[in-house]
N, C-alpha and C. Protein backbone atom coordinates (compact mmCIF):
# COMPACT_ATOMS: atom_id res chain seq x y z
N MET A 1 35.28 -69.03 24.31
CA MET A 1 35.47 -67.91 25.20
C MET A 1 35.98 -66.69 24.42
N ARG A 2 36.90 -66.98 23.45
CA ARG A 2 37.41 -65.88 22.64
C ARG A 2 36.30 -65.21 21.86
N ILE A 3 35.44 -65.99 21.31
CA ILE A 3 34.33 -65.44 20.53
C ILE A 3 33.45 -64.58 21.43
N PHE A 4 33.21 -65.06 22.62
CA PHE A 4 32.40 -64.29 23.57
C PHE A 4 33.07 -62.98 23.93
N SER A 5 34.39 -62.98 24.12
CA SER A 5 35.14 -61.76 24.44
C SER A 5 35.10 -60.78 23.27
N VAL A 6 35.22 -61.29 22.07
CA VAL A 6 35.18 -60.44 20.89
C VAL A 6 33.79 -59.83 20.73
N LEU A 7 32.76 -60.61 20.95
CA LEU A 7 31.39 -60.09 20.86
C LEU A 7 31.12 -59.02 21.90
N VAL A 8 31.59 -59.21 23.11
CA VAL A 8 31.42 -58.21 24.17
C VAL A 8 32.17 -56.94 23.80
N LEU A 9 33.37 -57.08 23.27
CA LEU A 9 34.16 -55.91 22.87
C LEU A 9 33.46 -55.15 21.74
N ILE A 10 32.93 -55.84 20.75
CA ILE A 10 32.21 -55.20 19.64
C ILE A 10 30.94 -54.54 20.16
N LEU A 11 30.24 -55.22 21.03
CA LEU A 11 29.02 -54.67 21.61
C LEU A 11 29.32 -53.39 22.41
N CYS A 12 30.39 -53.39 23.15
CA CYS A 12 30.77 -52.20 23.94
C CYS A 12 31.14 -51.03 23.04
N LEU A 13 31.84 -51.31 21.96
CA LEU A 13 32.26 -50.24 21.06
C LEU A 13 31.09 -49.63 20.29
N THR A 14 30.14 -50.44 19.89
CA THR A 14 29.00 -49.92 19.12
C THR A 14 27.91 -49.37 20.02
N SER A 15 27.84 -49.79 21.24
CA SER A 15 26.77 -49.32 22.12
C SER A 15 27.02 -47.92 22.65
N CYS A 16 28.17 -47.39 22.48
CA CYS A 16 28.46 -46.04 22.97
C CYS A 16 27.57 -45.00 22.28
N ASP A 17 27.16 -45.29 21.05
CA ASP A 17 26.29 -44.37 20.33
C ASP A 17 24.92 -44.25 20.99
N TYR A 18 24.50 -45.28 21.70
CA TYR A 18 23.19 -45.25 22.35
C TYR A 18 23.16 -44.28 23.53
N PHE A 19 24.31 -44.05 24.13
CA PHE A 19 24.38 -43.16 25.27
C PHE A 19 24.67 -41.72 24.87
N ASP A 20 24.99 -41.53 23.61
CA ASP A 20 25.31 -40.20 23.10
C ASP A 20 24.01 -39.44 22.83
N LYS A 21 23.77 -38.40 23.54
CA LYS A 21 22.54 -37.62 23.38
C LYS A 21 22.82 -36.44 22.43
N LYS A 22 21.86 -36.21 21.55
CA LYS A 22 21.99 -35.07 20.64
C LYS A 22 21.43 -33.84 21.34
N LYS A 23 22.17 -32.79 21.29
CA LYS A 23 21.73 -31.55 21.91
C LYS A 23 21.14 -30.64 20.84
N VAL A 24 19.98 -30.05 21.16
CA VAL A 24 19.30 -29.14 20.25
C VAL A 24 19.40 -27.75 20.87
N SER A 25 19.85 -26.83 20.08
CA SER A 25 20.02 -25.47 20.61
C SER A 25 18.67 -24.77 20.73
N ALA A 26 18.63 -23.80 21.62
CA ALA A 26 17.42 -23.01 21.82
C ALA A 26 17.04 -22.28 20.54
N GLU A 27 18.03 -21.88 19.78
CA GLU A 27 17.77 -21.17 18.53
C GLU A 27 17.08 -22.08 17.51
N ASP A 28 17.48 -23.35 17.45
CA ASP A 28 16.82 -24.30 16.55
C ASP A 28 15.36 -24.51 16.95
N ILE A 29 15.13 -24.62 18.25
CA ILE A 29 13.76 -24.79 18.75
C ILE A 29 12.92 -23.57 18.40
N LEU A 30 13.48 -22.39 18.60
CA LEU A 30 12.77 -21.15 18.29
C LEU A 30 12.45 -21.07 16.80
N ASN A 31 13.40 -21.39 15.96
CA ASN A 31 13.17 -21.34 14.51
C ASN A 31 12.08 -22.30 14.07
N GLU A 32 12.05 -23.50 14.64
CA GLU A 32 11.00 -24.46 14.33
C GLU A 32 9.65 -23.94 14.79
N GLU A 33 9.61 -23.34 15.97
CA GLU A 33 8.36 -22.81 16.52
C GLU A 33 7.84 -21.67 15.64
N LEU A 34 8.74 -20.80 15.20
CA LEU A 34 8.35 -19.67 14.36
C LEU A 34 7.80 -20.14 13.01
N LYS A 35 8.33 -21.22 12.48
CA LYS A 35 7.84 -21.76 11.22
C LYS A 35 6.42 -22.29 11.36
N SER A 36 6.08 -22.79 12.54
CA SER A 36 4.76 -23.38 12.74
C SER A 36 3.68 -22.33 13.01
N PHE A 37 4.07 -21.09 13.27
CA PHE A 37 3.09 -20.03 13.53
C PHE A 37 2.31 -19.68 12.28
N ASN A 38 1.03 -19.40 12.45
CA ASN A 38 0.25 -18.81 11.37
C ASN A 38 0.17 -17.32 11.70
N TRP A 39 1.00 -16.53 11.06
CA TRP A 39 1.11 -15.11 11.38
C TRP A 39 -0.08 -14.31 10.91
N ASN A 40 -0.96 -14.89 10.08
CA ASN A 40 -2.11 -14.17 9.57
C ASN A 40 -3.34 -14.30 10.46
N GLU A 41 -3.25 -15.08 11.52
CA GLU A 41 -4.37 -15.25 12.42
C GLU A 41 -3.95 -14.92 13.84
N VAL A 42 -4.90 -14.45 14.61
CA VAL A 42 -4.66 -14.18 16.03
C VAL A 42 -5.52 -15.12 16.85
N ASP A 43 -5.12 -15.33 18.09
CA ASP A 43 -5.91 -16.20 18.98
C ASP A 43 -7.16 -15.47 19.46
N GLU A 44 -7.03 -14.18 19.72
CA GLU A 44 -8.15 -13.33 20.14
C GLU A 44 -8.12 -12.05 19.33
N PHE A 45 -9.25 -11.67 18.75
CA PHE A 45 -9.35 -10.44 17.98
C PHE A 45 -9.36 -9.23 18.92
N PRO A 46 -9.08 -8.04 18.39
CA PRO A 46 -9.25 -6.85 19.22
C PRO A 46 -10.69 -6.82 19.74
N SER A 47 -10.87 -6.18 20.87
CA SER A 47 -12.19 -6.23 21.49
C SER A 47 -12.47 -4.97 22.29
N PHE A 48 -13.75 -4.70 22.45
CA PHE A 48 -14.22 -3.68 23.38
C PHE A 48 -14.69 -4.41 24.64
N THR A 49 -14.72 -3.73 25.76
CA THR A 49 -15.13 -4.35 27.02
C THR A 49 -16.52 -4.95 26.91
N LEU A 50 -17.43 -4.28 26.20
CA LEU A 50 -18.80 -4.79 26.10
C LEU A 50 -18.88 -6.09 25.30
N CYS A 51 -17.82 -6.45 24.59
CA CYS A 51 -17.81 -7.70 23.81
C CYS A 51 -17.25 -8.87 24.62
N ASP A 52 -16.72 -8.61 25.80
CA ASP A 52 -16.10 -9.67 26.61
C ASP A 52 -17.10 -10.72 27.08
N SER A 53 -18.38 -10.39 27.11
CA SER A 53 -19.39 -11.33 27.60
C SER A 53 -19.67 -12.45 26.60
N PHE A 54 -19.27 -12.28 25.34
CA PHE A 54 -19.51 -13.32 24.34
C PHE A 54 -18.49 -14.45 24.52
N SER A 55 -18.95 -15.67 24.30
CA SER A 55 -18.10 -16.82 24.61
C SER A 55 -17.20 -17.28 23.46
N THR A 56 -17.64 -17.11 22.22
CA THR A 56 -16.83 -17.61 21.11
C THR A 56 -16.03 -16.49 20.45
N LYS A 57 -14.96 -16.90 19.81
CA LYS A 57 -14.09 -15.97 19.10
C LYS A 57 -14.86 -15.23 18.00
N LEU A 58 -15.71 -15.96 17.28
CA LEU A 58 -16.49 -15.36 16.19
C LEU A 58 -17.48 -14.32 16.72
N GLU A 59 -18.15 -14.62 17.83
CA GLU A 59 -19.11 -13.67 18.41
C GLU A 59 -18.41 -12.39 18.88
N ARG A 60 -17.24 -12.54 19.49
CA ARG A 60 -16.48 -11.35 19.95
C ARG A 60 -16.00 -10.52 18.76
N ARG A 61 -15.61 -11.19 17.68
CA ARG A 61 -15.18 -10.47 16.48
C ARG A 61 -16.35 -9.69 15.88
N GLN A 62 -17.51 -10.35 15.78
CA GLN A 62 -18.69 -9.69 15.23
C GLN A 62 -19.11 -8.52 16.11
N CYS A 63 -19.03 -8.66 17.41
CA CYS A 63 -19.36 -7.58 18.34
C CYS A 63 -18.42 -6.40 18.12
N PHE A 64 -17.13 -6.68 17.97
CA PHE A 64 -16.15 -5.62 17.74
C PHE A 64 -16.46 -4.88 16.44
N GLU A 65 -16.69 -5.61 15.37
CA GLU A 65 -16.97 -4.99 14.07
C GLU A 65 -18.27 -4.20 14.11
N THR A 66 -19.30 -4.75 14.77
CA THR A 66 -20.58 -4.06 14.86
C THR A 66 -20.45 -2.77 15.67
N THR A 67 -19.75 -2.83 16.77
CA THR A 67 -19.56 -1.64 17.61
C THR A 67 -18.80 -0.56 16.85
N LEU A 68 -17.78 -0.95 16.14
CA LEU A 68 -16.99 0.00 15.36
C LEU A 68 -17.85 0.61 14.25
N THR A 69 -18.61 -0.22 13.55
CA THR A 69 -19.48 0.26 12.47
C THR A 69 -20.54 1.21 12.99
N LYS A 70 -21.17 0.86 14.12
CA LYS A 70 -22.21 1.72 14.69
C LYS A 70 -21.64 3.07 15.10
N SER A 71 -20.46 3.06 15.68
CA SER A 71 -19.83 4.31 16.11
C SER A 71 -19.59 5.24 14.92
N ILE A 72 -19.08 4.68 13.84
CA ILE A 72 -18.83 5.48 12.64
C ILE A 72 -20.14 5.96 12.03
N SER A 73 -21.15 5.08 11.99
CA SER A 73 -22.46 5.44 11.43
C SER A 73 -23.12 6.56 12.22
N VAL A 74 -23.06 6.46 13.54
CA VAL A 74 -23.67 7.50 14.39
C VAL A 74 -22.97 8.84 14.16
N TYR A 75 -21.64 8.80 14.06
CA TYR A 75 -20.89 10.03 13.84
C TYR A 75 -21.25 10.65 12.49
N LEU A 76 -21.28 9.84 11.45
CA LEU A 76 -21.61 10.36 10.12
C LEU A 76 -23.08 10.77 10.04
N GLY A 77 -23.95 10.06 10.75
CA GLY A 77 -25.38 10.39 10.75
C GLY A 77 -25.66 11.75 11.39
N ALA A 78 -24.79 12.19 12.29
CA ALA A 78 -24.96 13.49 12.93
C ALA A 78 -24.52 14.63 12.02
N SER A 79 -23.82 14.30 10.94
CA SER A 79 -23.35 15.32 10.00
C SER A 79 -24.37 15.51 8.89
N THR A 80 -24.41 16.71 8.37
CA THR A 80 -25.33 17.02 7.27
C THR A 80 -24.52 17.22 6.00
N PHE A 81 -24.93 16.52 4.96
CA PHE A 81 -24.24 16.62 3.68
C PHE A 81 -25.20 17.19 2.64
N VAL A 82 -24.72 18.09 1.82
CA VAL A 82 -25.50 18.62 0.71
C VAL A 82 -24.82 18.12 -0.56
N VAL A 83 -25.56 17.32 -1.32
CA VAL A 83 -25.00 16.75 -2.55
C VAL A 83 -25.89 17.13 -3.73
N SER A 84 -25.28 17.20 -4.90
CA SER A 84 -26.03 17.57 -6.09
C SER A 84 -26.69 16.37 -6.76
N GLN A 85 -26.18 15.19 -6.51
CA GLN A 85 -26.80 13.97 -7.02
C GLN A 85 -26.61 12.86 -5.98
N SER A 86 -27.46 11.86 -6.07
CA SER A 86 -27.39 10.80 -5.06
C SER A 86 -26.09 10.01 -5.19
N VAL A 87 -25.63 9.52 -4.03
CA VAL A 87 -24.39 8.76 -3.97
C VAL A 87 -24.73 7.39 -3.39
N ASN A 88 -24.22 6.35 -4.03
CA ASN A 88 -24.38 4.99 -3.54
C ASN A 88 -23.08 4.26 -3.86
N ASP A 89 -22.14 4.28 -2.92
CA ASP A 89 -20.82 3.72 -3.16
C ASP A 89 -20.24 3.21 -1.85
N THR A 90 -19.16 2.48 -1.95
CA THR A 90 -18.50 1.92 -0.77
C THR A 90 -17.13 2.55 -0.59
N VAL A 91 -16.86 2.93 0.64
CA VAL A 91 -15.56 3.46 1.03
C VAL A 91 -14.88 2.38 1.86
N VAL A 92 -13.58 2.17 1.67
CA VAL A 92 -12.86 1.16 2.44
C VAL A 92 -11.86 1.86 3.35
N MET A 93 -12.01 1.64 4.67
CA MET A 93 -11.08 2.20 5.66
C MET A 93 -10.12 1.10 6.10
N MET A 94 -8.84 1.44 6.18
CA MET A 94 -7.84 0.51 6.69
C MET A 94 -7.37 1.01 8.04
N PHE A 95 -7.45 0.11 9.03
CA PHE A 95 -7.12 0.43 10.41
C PHE A 95 -5.92 -0.37 10.88
N GLN A 96 -5.30 0.15 11.92
CA GLN A 96 -4.29 -0.60 12.65
C GLN A 96 -4.58 -0.41 14.14
N ILE A 97 -4.55 -1.52 14.87
CA ILE A 97 -4.70 -1.45 16.32
C ILE A 97 -3.37 -1.91 16.90
N SER A 98 -2.73 -1.04 17.66
CA SER A 98 -1.41 -1.34 18.19
C SER A 98 -1.49 -2.34 19.33
N GLU A 99 -0.31 -2.72 19.83
CA GLU A 99 -0.22 -3.64 20.95
C GLU A 99 -0.80 -3.04 22.22
N THR A 100 -0.96 -1.73 22.25
CA THR A 100 -1.52 -1.05 23.42
C THR A 100 -2.99 -0.72 23.25
N GLY A 101 -3.57 -1.07 22.09
CA GLY A 101 -4.99 -0.82 21.85
C GLY A 101 -5.27 0.53 21.19
N GLN A 102 -4.25 1.18 20.67
CA GLN A 102 -4.41 2.47 20.00
C GLN A 102 -4.84 2.24 18.55
N LEU A 103 -6.01 2.75 18.16
CA LEU A 103 -6.51 2.60 16.80
C LEU A 103 -6.00 3.75 15.93
N THR A 104 -5.48 3.42 14.78
CA THR A 104 -4.98 4.40 13.82
C THR A 104 -5.60 4.12 12.46
N VAL A 105 -6.08 5.15 11.80
CA VAL A 105 -6.58 5.01 10.44
C VAL A 105 -5.37 5.08 9.51
N LEU A 106 -5.11 4.00 8.78
CA LEU A 106 -3.96 3.96 7.88
C LEU A 106 -4.27 4.59 6.54
N ASP A 107 -5.46 4.29 6.01
CA ASP A 107 -5.81 4.79 4.69
C ASP A 107 -7.32 4.71 4.52
N ILE A 108 -7.82 5.58 3.66
CA ILE A 108 -9.24 5.55 3.32
C ILE A 108 -9.34 5.63 1.79
N ASN A 109 -9.93 4.59 1.21
CA ASN A 109 -10.11 4.56 -0.25
C ASN A 109 -11.49 5.10 -0.59
N ILE A 110 -11.49 6.31 -1.15
CA ILE A 110 -12.74 6.98 -1.52
C ILE A 110 -12.71 7.22 -3.02
N SER A 111 -13.80 6.88 -3.69
CA SER A 111 -13.87 7.10 -5.14
C SER A 111 -13.88 8.60 -5.45
N ASP A 112 -13.49 8.92 -6.66
CA ASP A 112 -13.47 10.32 -7.08
C ASP A 112 -14.87 10.93 -7.06
N GLU A 113 -15.88 10.12 -7.35
CA GLU A 113 -17.27 10.60 -7.33
C GLU A 113 -17.66 11.07 -5.92
N ILE A 114 -17.33 10.27 -4.92
CA ILE A 114 -17.66 10.66 -3.54
C ILE A 114 -16.83 11.86 -3.10
N LYS A 115 -15.56 11.88 -3.48
CA LYS A 115 -14.71 13.03 -3.13
C LYS A 115 -15.28 14.33 -3.69
N ALA A 116 -15.82 14.25 -4.91
CA ALA A 116 -16.39 15.45 -5.53
C ALA A 116 -17.68 15.87 -4.82
N GLN A 117 -18.49 14.90 -4.41
CA GLN A 117 -19.77 15.20 -3.77
C GLN A 117 -19.61 15.57 -2.29
N ILE A 118 -18.72 14.86 -1.58
CA ILE A 118 -18.54 15.06 -0.13
C ILE A 118 -17.05 15.18 0.15
N PRO A 119 -16.47 16.34 -0.13
CA PRO A 119 -15.01 16.48 0.03
C PRO A 119 -14.52 16.33 1.48
N GLU A 120 -15.37 16.59 2.45
CA GLU A 120 -14.96 16.50 3.86
C GLU A 120 -15.12 15.10 4.44
N LEU A 121 -15.54 14.12 3.64
CA LEU A 121 -15.79 12.77 4.15
C LEU A 121 -14.54 12.14 4.74
N ASP A 122 -13.41 12.33 4.10
CA ASP A 122 -12.15 11.77 4.59
C ASP A 122 -11.87 12.20 6.02
N SER A 123 -11.94 13.49 6.28
CA SER A 123 -11.66 13.99 7.63
C SER A 123 -12.74 13.56 8.63
N LEU A 124 -14.00 13.49 8.19
CA LEU A 124 -15.07 13.04 9.07
C LEU A 124 -14.89 11.58 9.48
N LEU A 125 -14.46 10.75 8.55
CA LEU A 125 -14.22 9.35 8.86
C LEU A 125 -13.07 9.20 9.86
N LYS A 126 -12.03 9.98 9.68
CA LYS A 126 -10.90 9.93 10.62
C LYS A 126 -11.33 10.38 12.02
N GLN A 127 -12.16 11.40 12.08
CA GLN A 127 -12.63 11.90 13.38
C GLN A 127 -13.61 10.93 14.05
N SER A 128 -14.30 10.13 13.26
CA SER A 128 -15.34 9.25 13.80
C SER A 128 -14.79 8.17 14.74
N VAL A 129 -13.52 7.87 14.66
CA VAL A 129 -12.96 6.81 15.50
C VAL A 129 -12.33 7.34 16.79
N TYR A 130 -12.33 8.65 16.99
CA TYR A 130 -11.68 9.21 18.18
C TYR A 130 -12.46 8.96 19.47
N ASP A 131 -13.77 8.83 19.39
CA ASP A 131 -14.58 8.67 20.60
C ASP A 131 -14.96 7.21 20.87
N LEU A 132 -14.20 6.30 20.34
CA LEU A 132 -14.49 4.88 20.57
C LEU A 132 -14.17 4.50 22.02
N PRO A 133 -14.88 3.50 22.55
CA PRO A 133 -14.52 3.01 23.88
C PRO A 133 -13.11 2.40 23.84
N THR A 134 -12.55 2.10 24.99
CA THR A 134 -11.21 1.51 25.07
C THR A 134 -11.16 0.19 24.31
N ILE A 135 -10.12 0.05 23.52
CA ILE A 135 -9.95 -1.17 22.72
C ILE A 135 -8.90 -2.05 23.39
N HIS A 136 -9.23 -3.32 23.53
CA HIS A 136 -8.26 -4.30 24.01
C HIS A 136 -7.59 -4.89 22.78
N PRO A 137 -6.26 -4.88 22.71
CA PRO A 137 -5.58 -5.37 21.51
C PRO A 137 -5.76 -6.87 21.29
N ALA A 138 -5.44 -7.30 20.09
CA ALA A 138 -5.51 -8.72 19.74
C ALA A 138 -4.44 -9.48 20.51
N LEU A 139 -4.67 -10.78 20.67
CA LEU A 139 -3.72 -11.63 21.38
C LEU A 139 -3.26 -12.77 20.48
N LYS A 140 -1.98 -13.04 20.53
CA LYS A 140 -1.38 -14.19 19.84
C LYS A 140 -0.50 -14.89 20.86
N ARG A 141 -0.90 -16.10 21.24
CA ARG A 141 -0.18 -16.89 22.24
C ARG A 141 0.01 -16.14 23.55
N GLY A 142 -1.04 -15.42 23.93
CA GLY A 142 -1.03 -14.70 25.20
C GLY A 142 -0.35 -13.35 25.17
N GLN A 143 0.22 -12.96 24.05
CA GLN A 143 0.91 -11.68 23.92
C GLN A 143 0.05 -10.70 23.12
N GLN A 144 0.05 -9.45 23.53
CA GLN A 144 -0.68 -8.43 22.78
C GLN A 144 0.08 -8.14 21.50
N VAL A 145 -0.65 -8.12 20.38
CA VAL A 145 -0.02 -7.93 19.08
C VAL A 145 -0.74 -6.85 18.28
N LYS A 146 -0.02 -6.30 17.32
CA LYS A 146 -0.57 -5.29 16.42
C LYS A 146 -1.36 -6.00 15.32
N THR A 147 -2.51 -5.44 14.97
CA THR A 147 -3.33 -6.01 13.90
C THR A 147 -3.75 -4.92 12.92
N GLU A 148 -3.97 -5.32 11.70
CA GLU A 148 -4.47 -4.41 10.67
C GLU A 148 -5.68 -5.07 10.02
N PHE A 149 -6.64 -4.25 9.65
CA PHE A 149 -7.81 -4.79 8.98
C PHE A 149 -8.48 -3.71 8.13
N LYS A 150 -9.34 -4.18 7.22
CA LYS A 150 -10.09 -3.29 6.32
C LYS A 150 -11.55 -3.38 6.70
N MET A 151 -12.24 -2.24 6.56
CA MET A 151 -13.66 -2.23 6.83
C MET A 151 -14.37 -1.45 5.72
N PRO A 152 -15.28 -2.10 5.00
CA PRO A 152 -16.06 -1.38 3.99
C PRO A 152 -17.18 -0.59 4.65
N ILE A 153 -17.40 0.61 4.16
CA ILE A 153 -18.46 1.47 4.67
C ILE A 153 -19.31 1.91 3.48
N LEU A 154 -20.60 1.61 3.54
CA LEU A 154 -21.51 1.96 2.46
C LEU A 154 -21.97 3.40 2.66
N ILE A 155 -21.79 4.23 1.64
CA ILE A 155 -22.22 5.63 1.67
C ILE A 155 -23.40 5.77 0.72
N GLN A 156 -24.56 6.14 1.30
CA GLN A 156 -25.78 6.32 0.50
C GLN A 156 -26.39 7.67 0.85
N THR A 157 -26.72 8.44 -0.18
CA THR A 157 -27.43 9.71 0.01
C THR A 157 -28.56 9.77 -1.01
N ASN A 158 -29.51 10.61 -0.71
CA ASN A 158 -30.64 10.79 -1.65
C ASN A 158 -30.69 12.24 -2.10
């Protein structure tokens, strides 16, 4: 009987740990969640309304890029350039789309050759994005987020 009493007493003393629950703070959960995020990818890319009919993420992205490229091409195509020699080079535009869908040109990398031949190209490229349709911002976990991207533009003249 004594042995049984001692075993029950030892069992009661050690079993208290089983009922002890560990509490995890909200801050610890948040920090773990933030570590698991891939901050370089979005769930939904920025989009124009006309791209909403596409079903996959890739198709909507391609629609957005194509619409943006066409808009810039049409704007530049309406301009007349007089050059002394042919130009065949690539210009890289860096954009930012805010959480509200506002597009901003961050930078335009133009070679010295193009700057010499078409000095107004920088301002024309900046103006080309003003008449774009309404942009829906990118989404990350259901929240509208700011995105930045680069777009190469081929400049060819004869």
